[in-house]
């Protein structure tokens, strides 16, 4: 074989691995898109969880604020319907509601009955509800009338 014949045979040979390389590229692209989908799904789940944590923290703060207002006497301890928190700003989408029920406990000397107060904070635009429940003693007016009716002089 001469030099010219060797050159001709090497130029005329068709690579036999061409189909295998195409399959490898398609397999690599498939793996890439699967990995990209997993990463995108993880990011979406993380963002939803972060939003939920942020709303829960905000609702918890609002519920504790309303509970503090009741304990100090700025807010009456009575059932109220859903009430908008504020008319403008960030709190305009939030509502609060108070639900009270008497505590089922043994009453000594017909004394005043404590109240189970449930503060319900909602953000209807995102279908979010937070509830805080606390047992509060009766107000001073209720405890005075109950002790007098039981025959106890304060």
Protein backbone atom coordinates (compact mmCIF):
# COMPACT_ATOMS: atom_id res chain seq x y z
CA UNK A 1 0.00 0.00 0.00
CA UNK A 2 1.27 3.35 -1.00
CA UNK A 3 0.86 6.63 0.75
CA UNK A 4 -1.88 7.74 -1.64
CA UNK A 5 -3.87 4.55 -1.10
CA UNK A 6 -3.67 4.93 2.69
CA UNK A 7 -4.88 8.53 2.49
CA UNK A 8 -7.83 7.50 0.29
CA UNK A 9 -8.95 4.71 2.62
CA UNK A 10 -8.81 6.92 5.73
CA UNK A 11 -10.88 9.64 4.03
CA UNK A 12 -13.52 7.22 2.78
CA UNK A 13 -14.18 5.50 6.09
CA UNK A 14 -17.52 6.35 7.71
CA UNK A 15 -17.42 6.50 11.50
CA UNK A 16 -19.48 3.68 12.98
CA UNK A 17 -20.04 5.36 16.40
CA UNK A 18 -22.16 8.27 15.04
CA UNK A 19 -25.50 6.86 16.26
CA UNK A 20 -24.13 6.10 19.70
CA UNK A 21 -22.95 9.68 20.15
CA UNK A 22 -26.41 10.98 19.23
CA UNK A 23 -27.99 8.69 21.84
CA UNK A 24 -25.48 9.87 24.46
CA UNK A 25 -26.35 13.52 23.73
CA UNK A 26 -30.09 12.81 23.95
CA UNK A 27 -29.61 10.93 27.23
CA UNK A 28 -27.54 13.82 28.66
CA UNK A 29 -30.20 16.36 27.64
CA UNK A 30 -32.91 14.22 29.24
CA UNK A 31 -30.96 14.05 32.50
CA UNK A 32 -30.37 17.81 32.39
CA UNK A 33 -34.07 18.61 31.96
CA UNK A 34 -35.05 16.19 34.73
CA UNK A 35 -32.53 17.82 37.09
CA UNK A 36 -33.74 21.30 36.08
CA UNK A 37 -37.33 20.26 36.83
CA UNK A 38 -36.38 18.94 40.26
CA UNK A 39 -34.49 22.15 41.12
CA UNK A 40 -37.38 24.34 39.89
CA UNK A 41 -39.90 22.32 41.93
CA UNK A 42 -37.73 22.60 45.03
CA UNK A 43 -37.44 26.36 44.64
CA UNK A 44 -41.21 26.70 44.22
CA UNK A 45 -41.84 24.63 47.36
CA UNK A 46 -39.30 26.69 49.32
CA UNK A 47 -40.92 29.95 48.24
CA UNK A 48 -44.38 28.70 49.28
CA UNK A 49 -43.03 27.60 52.66
CA UNK A 50 -41.32 30.97 53.20
CA UNK A 51 -44.57 32.79 52.38
CA UNK A 52 -46.48 30.59 54.83
CA UNK A 53 -43.94 31.23 57.59
CA UNK A 54 -44.12 34.97 56.95
CA UNK A 55 -47.95 35.01 57.06
CA UNK A 56 -48.00 32.86 60.21
CA UNK A 57 -45.60 35.20 61.98
CA UNK A 58 -47.65 38.25 60.95
CA UNK A 59 -50.92 36.62 62.04
CA UNK A 60 -49.40 35.55 65.35
CA UNK A 61 -48.29 39.12 66.03
CA UNK A 62 -51.75 40.46 65.18
CA UNK A 63 -53.49 37.89 67.40
CA UNK A 64 -51.22 38.62 70.36
CA UNK A 65 -51.83 42.35 69.84
CA UNK A 66 -55.60 41.82 69.94
CA UNK A 67 -55.27 39.58 73.02
CA UNK A 68 -53.17 42.24 74.76
CA UNK A 69 -55.81 44.85 73.95
CA UNK A 70 -58.41 42.65 75.67
CA UNK A 71 -56.24 42.05 78.72
CA UNK A 72 -55.54 45.76 79.14
CA UNK A 73 -59.20 46.69 78.62
CA UNK A 74 -58.94 48.48 75.27
CA UNK A 75 -61.03 45.79 73.57
CA UNK A 76 -64.15 44.26 75.11
CA UNK A 77 -64.16 40.52 75.64
CA UNK A 78 -67.17 39.70 73.50
CA UNK A 79 -67.98 37.88 70.29
CA UNK A 80 -67.34 39.99 67.23
CA UNK A 81 -67.77 39.23 63.56
CA UNK A 82 -64.98 39.41 61.02
CA UNK A 83 -63.69 42.98 61.19
CA UNK A 84 -61.12 44.51 58.83
CA UNK A 85 -57.88 45.23 60.66
CA UNK A 86 -57.21 48.54 58.93
CA UNK A 87 -58.58 50.45 55.98
CA UNK A 88 -55.29 51.11 54.24
CA UNK A 89 -51.74 49.85 54.08
CA UNK A 90 -50.42 46.36 54.58
CA UNK A 91 -53.09 45.36 57.10
CA UNK A 92 -56.05 46.14 54.82
CA UNK A 93 -56.19 42.51 53.62
CA UNK A 94 -56.31 41.09 57.17
CA UNK A 95 -59.44 40.58 59.32
CA UNK A 96 -59.90 39.64 62.97
CA UNK A 97 -62.71 37.95 64.84
CA UNK A 98 -63.29 37.10 68.51
CA UNK A 99 -65.24 34.04 69.65
CA UNK A 100 -65.83 33.43 73.36
CA UNK A 101 -67.16 30.39 75.20
CA UNK A 102 -67.45 29.78 78.94
CA UNK A 103 -64.86 27.39 80.34
CA UNK A 104 -66.32 24.09 81.48
CA UNK A 105 -64.77 23.83 84.91
CA UNK A 106 -65.92 23.38 88.46
CA UNK A 107 -66.94 26.72 89.89
CA UNK A 108 -66.13 27.22 93.56
CA UNK A 109 -68.75 29.14 95.58
CA UNK A 110 -70.64 30.07 92.44
CA UNK A 111 -67.77 32.33 91.47
CA UNK A 112 -67.27 33.91 88.10
CA UNK A 113 -66.73 31.66 85.11
CA UNK A 114 -63.61 32.19 83.04
CA UNK A 115 -63.91 32.61 79.29
CA UNK A 116 -62.13 30.75 76.53
CA UNK A 117 -61.31 33.47 74.01
CA UNK A 118 -60.44 32.50 70.47
CA UNK A 119 -58.91 35.16 68.25
CA UNK A 120 -59.23 34.34 64.56
CA UNK A 121 -56.98 36.19 62.13
CA UNK A 122 -57.69 35.75 58.42
CA UNK A 123 -56.22 36.85 55.14
CA UNK A 124 -59.03 35.96 52.71
CA UNK A 125 -57.05 36.91 49.60
CA UNK A 126 -54.72 33.95 50.24
CA UNK A 127 -57.22 31.68 52.05
CA UNK A 128 -55.16 31.81 55.25
CA UNK A 129 -56.54 31.44 58.80
CA UNK A 130 -54.69 31.62 62.13
CA UNK A 131 -56.30 30.92 65.52
CA UNK A 132 -55.07 31.80 68.99
CA UNK A 133 -56.97 30.50 72.02
CA UNK A 134 -56.51 31.76 75.56
CA UNK A 135 -58.47 31.38 78.79
CA UNK A 136 -59.12 34.76 80.36
CA UNK A 137 -60.57 35.55 83.76
CA UNK A 138 -63.88 37.41 83.79
CA UNK A 139 -63.80 41.17 83.63
CA UNK A 140 -63.92 43.07 86.92
CA UNK A 141 -67.63 43.94 86.41
CA UNK A 142 -68.54 40.27 85.96
CA UNK A 143 -66.44 39.09 88.93
CA UNK A 144 -67.91 41.79 91.24
CA UNK A 145 -71.48 40.80 90.40
CA UNK A 146 -70.74 37.08 90.74
CA UNK A 147 -69.04 37.42 94.13
CA UNK A 148 -71.90 39.58 95.43
CA UNK A 149 -74.49 37.04 94.24
CA UNK A 150 -72.55 34.25 95.97
CA UNK A 151 -72.74 36.15 99.26
CA UNK A 152 -69.05 37.04 99.35
CA UNK A 153 -68.26 40.61 100.30
CA UNK A 154 -65.19 41.99 98.55
